[in-house]
C-alpha atoms as a PDB file:
ATOM      1  CA  MET A   1      12.711  -7.691   1.018  1.00  0.00           C
ATOM      2  CA  ASN A   2      15.883  -5.679   0.360  1.00  0.00           C
ATOM      3  CA  MET A   3      17.373  -4.500  -3.144  1.00  0.00           C
ATOM      4  CA  ASN A   4      19.343  -8.570  -2.692  1.00  0.00           C
ATOM      5  CA  ASN A   5      16.639 -10.284  -2.365  1.00  0.00           C
ATOM      6  CA  GLN A   6      16.547 -10.372   1.359  1.00  0.00           C
ATOM      7  CA  HIS A   7      13.656 -10.475   3.713  1.00  0.00           C
ATOM      8  CA  ILE A   8      14.590  -7.441   6.422  1.00  0.00           C
ATOM      9  CA  ARG A   9      12.843  -7.141   9.505  1.00  0.00           C
ATOM     10  CA  SER A  10      13.977  -3.876  11.487  1.00  0.00           C
ATOM     11  CA  THR A  11      15.204  -4.090  14.930  1.00  0.00           C
ATOM     12  CA  MET A  12      12.885  -1.349  15.468  1.00  0.00           C
ATOM     13  CA  ILE A  13      10.159  -3.688  16.058  1.00  0.00           C
ATOM     14  CA  ASP A  14      11.366  -4.952  19.104  1.00  0.00           C
ATOM     15  CA  LYS A  15      11.968  -1.906  20.745  1.00  0.00           C
ATOM     16  CA  TRP A  16       8.606  -0.858  19.086  1.00  0.00           C
ATOM     17  CA  ASP A  17       6.802   0.819  22.693  1.00  0.00           C
ATOM     18  CA  GLY A  18       9.829   2.442  23.588  1.00  0.00           C
ATOM     19  CA  ILE A  19      10.689   4.820  20.762  1.00  0.00           C
ATOM     20  CA  PRO A  20       8.365   6.840  19.258  1.00  0.00           C
ATOM     21  CA  ILE A  21       7.114   5.985  16.123  1.00  0.00           C
ATOM     22  CA  ASP A  22       5.769   9.156  13.295  1.00  0.00           C
ATOM     23  CA  GLN A  23       5.765   6.341  10.502  1.00  0.00           C
ATOM     24  CA  VAL A  24       6.024   2.842   9.143  1.00  0.00           C
ATOM     25  CA  LYS A  25       6.796   1.969   5.808  1.00  0.00           C
ATOM     26  CA  VAL A  26       6.321  -1.048   3.803  1.00  0.00           C
ATOM     27  CA  GLU A  27       8.592  -1.470   0.192  1.00  0.00           C
ATOM     28  CA  LEU A  28       9.009  -4.609  -1.727  1.00  0.00           C
ATOM     29  CA  PHE A  29      12.131  -4.768  -4.403  1.00  0.00           C
ATOM     30  CA  LYS A  30      12.306  -7.188  -7.454  1.00  0.00           C
ATOM     31  CA  ASN A  31      15.402  -7.637  -9.098  1.00  0.00           C
ATOM     32  CA  GLY A  32      16.583  -3.944  -7.481  1.00  0.00           C
ATOM     33  CA  GLU A  33      14.207  -2.372  -8.197  1.00  0.00           C
ATOM     34  CA  LEU A  34      11.459  -1.064  -5.844  1.00  0.00           C
ATOM     35  CA  THR A  35       8.797  -1.907  -6.963  1.00  0.00           C
ATOM     36  CA  VAL A  36       6.012  -1.286  -3.835  1.00  0.00           C
ATOM     37  CA  GLU A  37       6.070   1.686  -0.871  1.00  0.00           C
ATOM     38  CA  ILE A  38       3.168   1.783   1.424  1.00  0.00           C
ATOM     39  CA  TYR A  39       2.803   4.436   4.827  1.00  0.00           C
ATOM     40  CA  PHE A  40       1.677   4.207   7.409  1.00  0.00           C
ATOM     41  CA  ASP A  41       0.991   6.364  10.041  1.00  0.00           C
ATOM     42  CA  GLY A  42       2.519   5.051  12.971  1.00  0.00           C
ATOM     43  CA  HIS A  43       1.310   7.717  15.647  1.00  0.00           C
ATOM     44  CA  GLY A  44       0.276   5.655  19.401  1.00  0.00           C
ATOM     45  CA  SER A  45       0.508   2.126  16.723  1.00  0.00           C
ATOM     46  CA  THR A  46       1.781  -1.072  18.423  1.00  0.00           C
ATOM     47  CA  ASN A  47       3.597  -3.486  16.366  1.00  0.00           C
ATOM     48  CA  SER A  48       1.277  -5.420  15.630  1.00  0.00           C
ATOM     49  CA  ASP A  49      -1.313  -2.948  15.140  1.00  0.00           C
ATOM     50  CA  TRP A  50      -0.077  -0.483  12.648  1.00  0.00           C
ATOM     51  CA  PHE A  51      -0.588  -2.301   9.581  1.00  0.00           C
ATOM     52  CA  SER A  52      -4.529  -1.463   9.016  1.00  0.00           C
ATOM     53  CA  LYS A  53      -6.297   0.609   6.298  1.00  0.00           C
ATOM     54  CA  ASP A  54      -7.392   3.317   9.252  1.00  0.00           C
ATOM     55  CA  ARG A  55      -3.260   3.834   9.441  1.00  0.00           C
ATOM     56  CA  LEU A  56      -2.973   3.605   5.989  1.00  0.00           C
ATOM     57  CA  ARG A  57      -0.762   7.470   4.621  1.00  0.00           C
ATOM     58  CA  SER A  58      -0.127   7.031   1.366  1.00  0.00           C
ATOM     59  CA  ASN A  59       1.730   4.340  -1.412  1.00  0.00           C
ATOM     60  CA  SER A  60       2.304   4.135  -4.966  1.00  0.00           C
ATOM     61  CA  PHE A  61      -0.633   2.052  -6.294  1.00  0.00           C
ATOM     62  CA  ASN A  62      -3.396   4.144  -7.876  1.00  0.00           C
ATOM     63  CA  ASP A  63      -6.577   2.942  -6.634  1.00  0.00           C
ATOM     64  CA  LEU A  64      -5.472   2.507  -3.195  1.00  0.00           C
ATOM     65  CA  THR A  65      -7.312   4.664  -0.995  1.00  0.00           C
ATOM     66  CA  GLN A  66      -8.762   4.806   3.010  1.00  0.00           C
ATOM     67  CA  SER A  67     -11.565   5.133   0.826  1.00  0.00           C
ATOM     68  CA  SER A  68     -11.345   1.863  -1.359  1.00  0.00           C
ATOM     69  CA  ILE A  69     -13.589  -1.177  -0.705  1.00  0.00           C
ATOM     70  CA  THR A  70     -11.513  -3.580   0.826  1.00  0.00           C
ATOM     71  CA  ASN A  71     -12.938  -6.689   2.286  1.00  0.00           C
ATOM     72  CA  LEU A  72      -9.761  -7.554   4.383  1.00  0.00           C
ATOM     73  CA  PHE A  73      -6.374  -6.196   5.072  1.00  0.00           C
ATOM     74  CA  SER A  74      -5.466  -7.111   7.837  1.00  0.00           C
ATOM     75  CA  MET A  75      -1.498  -8.153   8.774  1.00  0.00           C
ATOM     76  CA  ASP A  76      -2.972 -11.550  10.236  1.00  0.00           C
ATOM     77  CA  GLY A  77      -4.330 -11.716   6.881  1.00  0.00           C
ATOM     78  CA  HIS A  78      -6.636 -15.242   6.506  1.00  0.00           C
ATOM     79  CA  LEU A  79      -4.538 -17.830   8.748  1.00  0.00           C
ATOM     80  CA  ASN A  80      -6.452 -20.185   7.386  1.00  0.00           C
ATOM     81  CA  TYR A  81      -4.609 -19.944   4.014  1.00  0.00           C
ATOM     82  CA  ALA A  82      -1.394 -18.690   5.664  1.00  0.00           C
ATOM     83  CA  ARG A  83      -1.862 -15.227   3.538  1.00  0.00           C
ATOM     84  CA  HIS A  84      -0.409 -12.540   5.834  1.00  0.00           C
ATOM     85  CA  LEU A  85       0.008  -8.413   5.570  1.00  0.00           C
ATOM     86  CA  PHE A  86      -2.759  -8.402   2.611  1.00  0.00           C
ATOM     87  CA  ILE A  87      -5.040  -6.050   1.443  1.00  0.00           C
ATOM     88  CA  SER A  88      -7.708  -8.228  -0.445  1.00  0.00           C
ATOM     89  CA  LYS A  89     -10.628  -6.227  -2.087  1.00  0.00           C
ATOM     90  CA  SER A  90     -12.426  -9.020  -3.328  1.00  0.00           C
ATOM     91  CA  TYR A  91     -12.816 -13.168  -2.303  1.00  0.00           C
ATOM     92  CA  GLY A  92     -14.516 -14.801  -4.939  1.00  0.00           C
ATOM     93  CA  ALA A  93     -13.358 -18.607  -5.465  1.00  0.00           C
ATOM     94  CA  CYS A  94      -9.731 -18.033  -6.410  1.00  0.00           C
ATOM     95  CA  ASN A  95     -10.668 -16.373 -10.391  1.00  0.00           C
ATOM     96  CA  ALA A  96     -12.158 -13.682  -8.168  1.00  0.00           C
ATOM     97  CA  ASP A  97      -9.669 -13.510  -5.265  1.00  0.00           C
ATOM     98  CA  TYR A  98      -8.662  -9.009  -6.246  1.00  0.00           C
ATOM     99  CA  GLY A  99      -6.320  -7.636  -4.598  1.00  0.00           C
ATOM    100  CA  TRP A 100      -3.338  -5.011  -3.624  1.00  0.00           C
ATOM    101  CA  LEU A 101      -0.666  -7.324  -2.048  1.00  0.00           C
ATOM    102  CA  VAL A 102      -0.725 -10.277   0.160  1.00  0.00           C
ATOM    103  CA  VAL A 103       2.400 -12.587   1.883  1.00  0.00           C
ATOM    104  CA  ILE A 104       2.220 -16.122   1.336  1.00  0.00           C
ATOM    105  CA  ASP A 105       3.213 -18.240   4.003  1.00  0.00           C
ATOM    106  CA  MET A 106       3.475 -21.673   4.270  1.00  0.00           C
ATOM    107  CA  SER A 107       3.235 -24.565   1.986  1.00  0.00           C
ATOM    108  CA  ASP A 108       1.844 -26.499   5.104  1.00  0.00           C
ATOM    109  CA  ALA A 109      -1.415 -24.304   5.347  1.00  0.00           C
ATOM    110  CA  THR A 110      -4.873 -25.523   6.516  1.00  0.00           C
ATOM    111  CA  SER A 111      -6.004 -24.870   2.478  1.00  0.00           C
ATOM    112  CA  ARG A 112      -4.462 -24.385  -0.616  1.00  0.00           C
ATOM    113  CA  TYR A 113      -7.041 -24.688  -3.523  1.00  0.00           C
ATOM    114  CA  CYS A 114      -6.508 -21.558  -4.659  1.00  0.00           C
ATOM    115  CA  TYR A 115      -3.831 -21.797  -7.509  1.00  0.00           C
ATOM    116  CA  PHE A 116      -1.824 -18.872  -6.035  1.00  0.00           C
ATOM    117  CA  ASP A 117      -1.302 -20.227  -2.607  1.00  0.00           C
ATOM    118  CA  ARG A 118       0.790 -22.750  -4.176  1.00  0.00           C
ATOM    119  CA  LEU A 119       2.860 -21.698  -7.293  1.00  0.00           C
ATOM    120  CA  PRO A 120       4.281 -24.119  -8.415  1.00  0.00           C
ATOM    121  CA  GLY A 121       8.446 -24.224  -7.736  1.00  0.00           C
ATOM    122  CA  LYS A 122       8.365 -20.663  -5.893  1.00  0.00           C
ATOM    123  CA  ALA A 123       9.731 -21.587  -2.469  1.00  0.00           C
ATOM    124  CA  TYR A 124       8.189 -19.918   0.649  1.00  0.00           C
ATOM    125  CA  PRO A 125       7.463 -16.990   1.841  1.00  0.00           C
ATOM    126  CA  TYR A 126       6.369 -15.469  -1.471  1.00  0.00           C
ATOM    127  CA  ILE A 127       4.646 -12.204  -2.139  1.00  0.00           C
ATOM    128  CA  LEU A 128       1.683 -11.382  -4.418  1.00  0.00           C
ATOM    129  CA  TYR A 129       1.405  -8.101  -5.611  1.00  0.00           C
ATOM    130  CA  GLY A 130      -0.521  -5.771  -8.165  1.00  0.00           C
ATOM    131  CA  ALA A 131       2.678  -5.622 -10.446  1.00  0.00           C
ATOM    132  CA  ASP A 132       1.403  -2.380 -12.490  1.00  0.00           C
ATOM    133  CA  HIS A 133      -0.082  -0.056  -9.580  1.00  0.00           C
ATOM    134  CA  TYR A 134      -3.284  -1.227  -9.658  1.00  0.00           C
ATOM    135  CA  VAL A 135      -5.470  -4.116  -7.680  1.00  0.00           C
ATOM    136  CA  ALA A 136      -4.962  -7.302  -8.811  1.00  0.00           C
ATOM    137  CA  ARG A 137      -6.331 -10.572  -9.457  1.00  0.00           C
ATOM    138  CA  PHE A 138      -4.076 -13.054  -7.604  1.00  0.00           C
ATOM    139  CA  ASN A 139      -5.212 -16.264  -9.413  1.00  0.00           C
ATOM    140  CA  TYR A 140      -4.221 -15.148 -13.115  1.00  0.00           C
ATOM    141  CA  GLY A 141      -2.150 -11.541 -14.839  1.00  0.00           C
ATOM    142  CA  ARG A 142       0.644 -10.317 -13.787  1.00  0.00           C
ATOM    143  CA  SER A 143      -0.191 -10.248 -10.199  1.00  0.00           C
ATOM    144  CA  GLY A 144       1.698 -13.344 -10.892  1.00  0.00           C
ATOM    145  CA  ASP A 145       4.575 -11.204 -10.070  1.00  0.00           C
ATOM    146  CA  LEU A 146       6.628 -12.458  -6.862  1.00  0.00           C
ATOM    147  CA  VAL A 147       9.208 -11.059  -4.805  1.00  0.00           C
ATOM    148  CA  HIS A 148      10.456 -13.497  -3.290  1.00  0.00           C
ATOM    149  CA  GLY A 149      13.890 -14.771  -0.337  1.00  0.00           C
END
């Protein structure tokens, strides 16, 4: 998303194989303010494998590193729930679902039993992240901070 709450997809994604990629940057903005930055090593990557824990260079979260415990760090995420760009620390029946970032893509996913998968009045897609720069419990607390278009 850019500072005007619009989703931005770089045209470089379509040219990925023909250009030397050094670094890939993910930025999230809320109310015009940069809230999250994640940098990945782009060397030798494809447009579908750059989003990985092994490629993580740096980020604005205070507790996310290559050595952090994660149960899912994936661009595809959890397809049954339409959770993408998913950096999850733990799963545990909604109330124990902790993570740093997730994009909730659509309302018609196979299963929508967690509150954070179907936030009332929020248009899809929306993004949940640890708003205080730490891992967050998605179902409660400050993880409800979102950026959406």
